[in-house]
Each structure stands twice: as structure tokens, then as C-alpha cells.
Protein backbone atom coordinates (compact mmCIF):
# COMPACT_ATOMS: atom_id res chain seq x y z
CA MET A 1 107.07 227.19 164.99
CA PRO A 2 104.21 225.92 162.81
CA GLU A 3 101.06 224.76 164.56
CA VAL A 4 101.33 221.44 162.72
CA GLN A 5 104.56 219.64 163.51
CA PHE A 6 106.35 217.25 161.21
CA GLY A 7 108.85 214.65 162.31
CA GLY A 8 111.05 212.16 160.61
CA GLN A 9 113.60 209.41 160.74
CA ALA A 10 116.67 208.51 158.74
CA VAL A 11 116.56 205.19 156.92
CA ILE A 12 119.08 203.50 154.64
CA GLU A 13 119.98 206.04 151.92
CA GLY A 14 116.85 208.01 152.68
CA VAL A 15 114.49 209.83 154.99
CA MET A 16 111.02 209.06 156.24
CA MET A 17 108.80 212.05 157.10
CA ARG A 18 105.53 211.99 158.98
CA GLY A 19 102.89 214.67 159.28
CA PRO A 20 99.46 214.63 160.91
CA HIS A 21 97.75 213.08 157.87
CA ARG A 22 100.44 211.79 155.52
CA LEU A 23 103.59 209.71 155.74
CA ALA A 24 106.28 209.67 153.06
CA VAL A 25 109.67 208.13 152.43
CA ALA A 26 112.29 209.21 149.90
CA ILE A 27 115.19 206.88 149.06
CA ARG A 28 118.09 207.29 146.68
CA ARG A 29 118.75 204.14 144.69
CA PRO A 30 122.22 203.08 143.47
CA ALA A 31 121.40 204.42 139.98
CA GLY A 32 121.08 207.90 141.51
CA ASP A 33 117.34 208.42 141.12
CA ILE A 34 115.12 209.13 144.11
CA VAL A 35 112.10 206.97 144.82
CA VAL A 36 109.33 208.74 146.73
CA GLU A 37 106.35 206.94 148.21
CA ALA A 38 103.59 208.59 150.23
CA GLN A 39 100.42 207.36 151.86
CA PRO A 40 97.70 208.61 154.19
CA PHE A 41 98.61 208.32 157.84
CA SER A 42 96.39 208.27 160.91
CA SER A 43 97.91 208.00 164.36
CA TRP A 44 96.31 205.67 166.88
CA ALA A 45 95.91 208.72 169.10
CA SER A 46 93.66 210.39 166.51
CA ARG A 47 91.26 207.44 166.67
CA TYR A 48 90.95 207.05 170.44
CA ARG A 49 90.51 209.99 172.77
CA LEU A 50 92.16 208.22 175.68
CA LEU A 51 95.40 207.90 173.71
CA ARG A 52 95.55 211.68 173.24
CA LEU A 53 95.80 212.32 176.97
CA PRO A 54 99.15 213.28 178.52
CA PHE A 55 101.48 210.33 179.19
CA PHE A 56 99.33 207.99 177.06
CA ARG A 57 100.24 209.92 173.92
CA GLY A 58 103.93 209.55 174.69
CA VAL A 59 103.70 205.77 174.83
CA VAL A 60 101.68 205.76 171.59
CA ALA A 61 104.27 207.96 169.87
CA LEU A 62 107.10 205.68 171.00
CA VAL A 63 105.43 202.46 169.79
CA GLU A 64 104.34 204.04 166.49
CA SER A 65 107.86 205.33 165.85
CA LEU A 66 109.32 201.91 166.54
CA VAL A 67 106.84 200.10 164.27
CA LEU A 68 107.18 202.58 161.41
CA GLY A 69 110.95 202.78 161.83
CA ILE A 70 111.43 199.03 161.47
CA LYS A 71 108.97 198.84 158.57
CA TYR A 72 110.68 201.58 156.54
CA LEU A 73 114.19 200.47 157.41
CA SER A 74 113.31 197.15 155.80
CA PHE A 75 111.72 198.91 152.82
CA SER A 76 114.69 201.25 152.35
CA ALA A 77 117.18 198.40 152.55
CA GLU A 78 115.38 196.62 149.73
CA LEU A 79 115.47 199.72 147.48
CA ALA A 80 118.84 201.21 148.40
CA LEU A 81 120.71 197.90 148.26
CA GLU A 82 118.64 196.54 145.36
CA GLU A 83 118.01 193.34 147.22
CA GLU A 84 114.83 191.42 146.63
CA GLY A 85 112.99 190.73 149.83
CA GLU A 86 109.53 189.93 151.06
CA GLU A 87 107.49 192.75 152.49
CA LEU A 88 107.15 192.51 156.26
CA LYS A 89 103.79 190.99 157.09
CA PRO A 90 101.92 192.23 160.18
CA ARG A 91 102.90 189.11 162.10
CA ASP A 92 106.57 189.51 161.16
CA LEU A 93 106.48 193.21 162.01
CA ILE A 94 104.99 192.54 165.43
CA LEU A 95 107.62 189.87 166.09
CA THR A 96 110.46 192.19 165.00
CA VAL A 97 109.17 195.03 167.19
CA ALA A 98 108.81 192.65 170.15
CA LEU A 99 112.37 191.38 169.68
CA ALA A 100 113.70 194.94 169.41
CA LEU A 101 111.88 196.00 172.56
CA GLY A 102 112.95 192.84 174.38
CA GLY A 103 116.58 193.38 173.43
CA ALA A 104 116.51 197.02 174.54
CA ILE A 105 114.84 196.13 177.85
CA GLY A 106 117.32 193.32 178.43
CA ILE A 107 120.39 195.48 177.81
CA PHE A 108 119.30 198.80 179.30
CA VAL A 109 116.91 197.70 182.07
CA ILE A 110 117.54 194.15 183.23
CA ILE A 111 121.35 194.04 183.09
CA PRO A 112 121.87 197.33 185.04
CA ALA A 113 119.26 196.25 187.64
CA MET A 114 120.97 192.90 188.18
CA LEU A 115 124.46 194.40 188.39
CA ALA A 116 123.34 197.11 190.83
CA MET A 117 121.70 194.50 193.06
CA LEU A 118 125.07 192.78 193.47
CA ALA A 119 126.16 195.86 195.43
CA HIS A 120 123.31 195.60 197.99
CA SER A 121 125.68 194.46 200.76
CA TRP A 122 127.80 197.63 200.65
CA LEU A 123 125.53 200.27 199.10
CA PRO A 124 122.29 201.70 200.56
CA LEU A 125 119.15 201.63 198.43
CA TYR A 126 119.63 205.14 197.03
CA GLY A 127 123.23 204.25 196.17
CA GLN A 128 122.06 201.17 194.28
CA SER A 129 119.57 203.32 192.35
CA LEU A 130 122.31 205.76 191.36
CA LEU A 131 124.64 202.92 190.38
CA GLU A 132 121.90 201.30 188.30
CA GLY A 133 121.20 204.60 186.55
CA PHE A 134 124.89 205.20 185.92
CA LEU A 135 125.32 201.71 184.43
CA ARG A 136 122.25 202.17 182.22
CA LEU A 137 123.54 205.51 180.96
CA ALA A 138 127.06 204.15 180.42
CA LEU A 139 125.73 201.24 178.35
CA PHE A 140 123.67 203.59 176.22
CA LEU A 141 126.58 205.98 175.60
CA ALA A 142 128.89 203.06 174.81
CA TYR A 143 126.33 201.75 172.31
CA ILE A 144 126.06 205.16 170.61
CA ALA A 145 129.84 205.54 170.50
CA ALA A 146 130.27 202.05 169.03
CA ILE A 147 127.72 202.34 166.20
CA SER A 148 128.87 205.87 165.31
CA ARG A 149 132.17 204.36 164.16
CA VAL A 150 130.52 202.05 161.61
CA LYS A 151 130.86 203.49 158.09
CA ASP A 152 127.37 202.52 156.91
CA ILE A 153 125.82 203.94 160.08
CA GLN A 154 127.67 207.21 159.52
CA ARG A 155 125.76 207.63 156.24
CA VAL A 156 122.51 207.02 158.09
CA PHE A 157 123.61 209.70 160.58
CA GLN A 158 124.17 212.08 157.64
CA TYR A 159 120.59 211.50 156.52
CA HIS A 160 119.59 212.06 160.14
CA GLY A 161 121.30 215.45 159.96
CA ALA A 162 119.55 216.20 156.67
CA GLU A 163 116.18 215.40 158.23
CA HIS A 164 116.90 217.80 161.11
CA LYS A 165 118.05 220.60 158.82
CA VAL A 166 114.86 220.40 156.76
CA ILE A 167 112.60 220.30 159.83
CA ASN A 168 114.47 223.21 161.43
CA ALA A 169 114.05 225.25 158.26
CA LEU A 170 110.35 224.40 158.07
CA GLU A 171 109.73 225.40 161.68
CA ALA A 172 111.62 228.66 161.15
CA GLY A 173 109.28 229.52 158.28
CA GLU A 174 112.19 229.38 155.86
CA GLU A 175 111.89 228.88 152.11
CA LEU A 176 112.63 225.21 151.52
CA THR A 177 115.48 225.36 149.03
CA LEU A 178 118.94 223.82 149.21
CA ASP A 179 120.62 227.19 149.70
CA ARG A 180 118.32 228.07 152.60
CA VAL A 181 118.15 224.68 154.27
CA ARG A 182 121.91 224.09 154.11
CA ALA A 183 122.59 226.73 156.78
CA TYR A 184 120.41 225.14 159.47
CA SER A 185 121.58 222.98 162.36
CA THR A 186 121.75 219.19 162.31
CA LEU A 187 120.46 219.23 165.91
CA HIS A 188 116.81 219.34 166.96
CA PRO A 189 115.24 219.34 170.46
CA ARG A 190 112.50 216.81 169.52
CA CYS A 191 114.97 214.22 168.25
CA GLY A 192 114.56 210.60 169.33
CA THR A 193 118.13 210.65 170.64
CA SER A 194 117.18 213.37 173.11
CA PHE A 195 114.04 211.45 174.03
CA LEU A 196 115.97 208.26 174.83
CA LEU A 197 118.54 210.13 176.91
CA LEU A 198 115.75 211.78 178.88
CA VAL A 199 114.09 208.38 179.44
CA LEU A 200 117.34 207.09 180.94
CA LEU A 201 117.76 210.12 183.19
CA LEU A 202 114.14 210.05 184.36
CA SER A 203 114.39 206.33 185.10
CA ILE A 204 116.94 207.11 187.83
CA PHE A 205 114.33 209.30 189.54
CA PHE A 206 111.31 207.02 189.08
CA PHE A 207 113.04 203.74 189.89
CA SER A 208 114.40 205.16 193.15
CA PHE A 209 110.85 204.99 194.58
CA LEU A 210 110.41 201.27 193.98
CA GLY A 211 111.94 200.20 197.29
CA LYS A 212 113.63 196.98 198.27
CA GLY A 213 112.92 193.63 196.70
CA GLY A 214 114.45 190.60 195.08
CA ILE A 215 115.76 190.42 191.56
CA TRP A 216 112.37 189.58 190.04
CA TRP A 217 110.76 192.54 191.79
CA ARG A 218 113.51 194.80 190.49
CA ILE A 219 113.11 193.58 186.92
CA LEU A 220 109.31 193.42 186.72
CA SER A 221 108.71 196.69 188.57
CA ARG A 222 111.04 198.55 186.21
CA ILE A 223 109.43 197.09 183.11
CA ALA A 224 105.98 197.99 184.48
CA LEU A 225 107.08 201.58 185.11
CA LEU A 226 108.61 202.11 181.66
CA PRO A 227 105.38 203.49 180.09
CA LEU A 228 105.21 206.15 182.82
CA VAL A 229 108.86 207.05 182.30
CA ALA A 230 108.45 207.21 178.50
CA GLY A 231 105.23 209.22 178.81
CA SER A 232 106.90 211.71 181.16
CA ALA A 233 109.88 212.11 178.81
CA TYR A 234 107.53 212.77 175.89
CA GLU A 235 105.66 215.48 177.81
CA ILE A 236 108.92 217.21 178.75
CA ILE A 237 110.16 217.09 175.14
CA LYS A 238 106.82 218.45 173.90
CA TRP A 239 106.85 221.25 176.51
CA ALA A 240 110.45 222.11 175.67
CA SER A 241 109.75 222.33 171.93
CA HIS A 242 107.09 224.99 172.59
CA ASN A 243 109.29 227.00 174.98
CA ILE A 244 112.68 226.63 173.35
CA ASN A 245 113.59 230.30 173.80
CA SER A 246 113.50 230.02 177.59
CA PRO A 247 116.98 229.83 179.21
CA ILE A 248 115.71 227.09 181.55
CA VAL A 249 114.42 225.04 178.64
CA ARG A 250 117.69 225.45 176.76
CA LEU A 251 119.47 224.07 179.81
CA VAL A 252 117.09 221.08 179.93
CA VAL A 253 117.57 220.19 176.26
CA ALA A 254 121.34 220.83 176.19
CA PRO A 255 122.42 217.23 177.09
CA GLY A 256 120.22 215.78 174.33
CA LEU A 257 121.57 218.24 171.76
CA TRP A 258 125.11 217.40 172.82
CA LEU A 259 124.42 213.68 172.35
CA GLN A 260 123.00 214.34 168.88
CA LYS A 261 126.49 215.41 167.79
CA PHE A 262 127.24 211.67 167.83
CA THR A 263 124.05 210.57 166.03
CA THR A 264 124.02 213.21 163.28
CA ARG A 265 126.54 214.20 160.64
CA GLU A 266 126.69 217.08 158.18
CA PRO A 267 124.85 215.90 155.04
CA ASP A 268 125.77 216.60 151.43
CA ASP A 269 123.38 218.32 149.03
CA GLY A 270 122.18 215.01 147.63
CA MET A 271 121.02 213.94 151.08
CA LEU A 272 119.30 217.29 151.65
CA GLU A 273 117.51 216.80 148.34
CA VAL A 274 116.18 213.44 149.54
CA ALA A 275 115.01 214.95 152.85
CA LEU A 276 113.26 217.82 151.06
CA LYS A 277 111.42 215.47 148.71
CA ALA A 278 110.29 213.36 151.67
CA LEU A 279 108.94 216.44 153.46
CA TRP A 280 107.15 217.75 150.40
CA ALA A 281 105.53 214.36 149.87
CA ALA A 282 104.40 214.28 153.52
CA GLN A 283 102.87 217.71 152.92
CA GLY A 284 100.99 216.39 149.89
CA GLU A 285 103.22 217.94 147.23
CA VAL A 286 104.39 214.77 145.49
CA GLY A 287 105.88 215.73 142.15
CA ALA A 288 104.84 219.36 142.63
CA ARG A 289 108.33 220.88 142.37
CA GLU A 290 112.01 220.21 141.98
CA VAL A 291 114.79 220.82 144.48
CA VAL A 292 116.77 223.96 143.66
């Protein structure tokens, strides 16, 4: 695997790729042409030493991914759907991210905690923790299953698969051509889907130590512990990606890879072309070559 890792995200009719110093997005417009935009990128962690420490860097990576994801989803929607729209201003972006985080916390943290507390009269504390974790996981899986049936989302999942194929080929040292990239898997151990599943599983362990308390204690304590849970999940994913040939590691990442079968689809060659152009642009090769 290359020393420098690249990562990406599917957007509407396109792919966003991010490297250590550049960020690029490639989007196919209705006319069939591909728009590629690239810009310098500097992670918050590269500017502040504290944010490069274990656990801190995981929280930074999560927030950065959320901010960039929302920004480029909006950008891609404007290009791919040919709809005129105002560029998200910093204030609007912060508000959108806050609403997205608030919605996720409400659905996957607060609701399971409240429902599990209703069972306090007939379940011991550890039983309530397991029930809460099961409800959280069930809601997440139900959400994935529901959106995977939406036709427009299925195309996004195809671009997600294209992104994974290109990254897998890059990390294998493969020549980045359509013929070579096409054979690679749509699954990847560093995928955000795997990360979110691991966050949910780790939350069962961490939240079990919070002890008894009223509903406000349950809600606030879990929100306060989320950065630790997310940071721990990031460190496990990072460790796994560097030791992927270990049988133990393969066992650890297996549930996340299985879940990715719902969030990725086999892409067509046009989608692979978009993903390749995004990667080349993130590597600084804008306009340097054509997809063959």
C-alpha cells in the first residue's frame, strides 16, 4: 500500500477525491462531458500538532469528511442536475453540518437511549446497554436498507463502487487504466460505511460504563463520549488498513465489508472514468492524460 493514502466520496454523478495536499471532484454533466475541479487542500491536523495525535485525528477526519461531503454534494447537484443555486456560504455550511449532526445524534443516539431506558424496570443495566446498542444498530441497518432502494441513491452507490475500485487499484500499485481498474473490488476496509458500523459497535462497549442515571444523564453522557468512540473507531480502521493481510484483521473488517455490499454497486465504465479523472486531479495531473 502506498505511503500516501488517498480517500474519496461519491457525490451526485461524480466522485470527490482527497489526497494529503490536493482535493478534486469530477462530475459528469447531462451533456456527457466531465467537469474536473481541483484545489490545494490542507487538513486541520496538518496545521495543529495536537490534532495529529491518536483519537484527536479521528474526530478531525470525521468532521472534515462531513463538511467536505456536504459542500461537494451541493456543488455536484448544481452541475449534474444543471440547476442554478447559490454557493454554500461558510455560515450556511456550518448550519447544514450542525443540522446533519443533530439529526444523526437524535436518531441514532437519543432515540435508542430513551427507548432502552423504558425497560429499566425489567432489565438490569447491562441488559439496557445491550438493548440500546441493538436498537441503534437496527435503526442504522434499516436506514441503509431503505435508501439503497431509491433509484437515484443506487447511482450514487455505483459511483461509490467506482471510487473504491480506483483506490484499490492505486494501493495495489496497479496501472490506472479502465481495463486494470475494472477487475478490482467495490469494497474497501477504510470506507466510511465500515467506520460508522464500527462506531455503533464500539458505542455498546463504551456506553456500558456510564452507569445509572436519568434520561438527561443518558443523553448528555453519550453525546459527550461520541468523540472518544469516533476516535477509537478511526484508530482501529487505520490499524486494520496497515495490517489487512492478518487473519485477525480480516475478521475485524469483515462486518464492514459485508455492509458495503449495500452501499456500493458495480459501476459502468463511464463512472470509472469519472473516478479516475478525480484521482488524477487529486494527484496533480489535471489534463495530463486521457482514460483508456
